[in-house]
Amino acid sequence: MQERIEVNIDAAGGITVQAQGVNGSGCTALTQALERELGSVTQDEKTAEYHRAAQSGQRQQQKG
């Protein structure tokens, strides 16, 4: 899947920014500048892609 950022704005003006196609902490680097321009972050939820990469990295460290 190609890396992309999805931005949704609800009727109340709430903004959701989600990185797609990025595993692990790479999503933070991808969305950081956009989030800074939009204002303060009130909530930060990690997706399954983020956690899947973190678990994979832990397994590799344990094997080494």
Protein backbone atom coordinates (compact mmCIF):
# COMPACT_ATOMS: atom_id res chain seq x y z
CA MET A 1 0.00 0.00 0.00
CA GLN A 2 1.25 3.47 -0.86
CA GLU A 3 1.88 5.89 2.02
CA ARG A 4 -0.81 8.52 2.38
CA ILE A 5 -2.38 10.85 4.92
CA GLU A 6 -6.15 10.91 5.33
CA VAL A 7 -7.67 14.06 6.86
CA ASN A 8 -11.31 14.14 7.97
CA ILE A 9 -13.18 17.16 9.29
CA ASP A 10 -16.47 16.47 11.07
CA ALA A 11 -19.50 18.78 11.29
CA ALA A 12 -18.32 20.19 14.64
CA GLY A 13 -14.92 21.10 13.18
CA GLY A 14 -13.01 18.22 14.75
CA ILE A 15 -10.10 17.06 12.64
CA THR A 16 -8.80 13.50 12.37
CA VAL A 17 -5.44 12.80 10.72
CA GLN A 18 -4.54 9.21 9.91
CA ALA A 19 -1.44 7.83 8.21
CA GLN A 20 -2.04 4.81 6.00
CA GLY A 21 0.45 2.41 4.48
CA VAL A 22 3.05 3.14 7.18
CA ASN A 23 4.09 0.63 9.84
CA GLY A 24 5.47 1.55 13.24
CA SER A 25 6.52 5.01 14.29
CA GLY A 26 6.99 6.16 10.68
CA CYS A 27 3.41 7.45 10.84
CA THR A 28 4.46 10.11 13.33
CA ALA A 29 7.16 11.42 11.02
CA LEU A 30 4.72 11.42 8.11
CA THR A 31 2.01 13.45 9.88
CA GLN A 32 4.09 15.61 12.24
CA ALA A 33 4.32 18.77 10.08
CA LEU A 34 0.61 18.65 9.18
CA GLU A 35 -0.42 18.21 12.81
CA ARG A 36 1.80 21.13 13.84
CA GLU A 37 0.09 23.38 11.27
CA LEU A 38 -3.42 22.28 12.28
CA GLY A 39 -2.89 23.08 15.98
CA SER A 40 -2.62 21.17 19.20
CA VAL A 41 -3.21 17.42 19.25
CA THR A 42 -5.91 16.46 21.75
CA GLN A 43 -5.79 12.71 21.22
CA ASP A 44 -3.29 10.30 19.69
CA GLU A 45 -4.44 6.77 18.86
CA LYS A 46 -2.12 4.20 17.31
CA THR A 47 -3.54 1.98 14.56
CA ALA A 48 -3.11 -1.75 14.11
CA GLU A 49 -0.34 -1.03 11.57
CA TYR A 50 1.64 0.83 14.24
CA HIS A 51 1.32 -1.98 16.76
CA ARG A 52 1.99 -4.72 14.21
CA ALA A 53 5.36 -3.20 13.35
CA ALA A 54 6.24 -2.66 17.02
CA GLN A 55 5.51 -6.30 17.82
CA SER A 56 7.52 -7.46 14.82
CA GLY A 57 10.49 -5.36 15.97
CA GLN A 58 10.31 -6.83 19.47
CA ARG A 59 10.37 -10.38 18.09
CA GLN A 60 13.42 -9.62 15.98
CA GLN A 61 15.27 -8.16 18.98
CA GLN A 62 14.49 -11.24 21.06
CA LYS A 63 15.86 -13.56 18.36
CA GLY A 64 19.11 -11.59 18.01
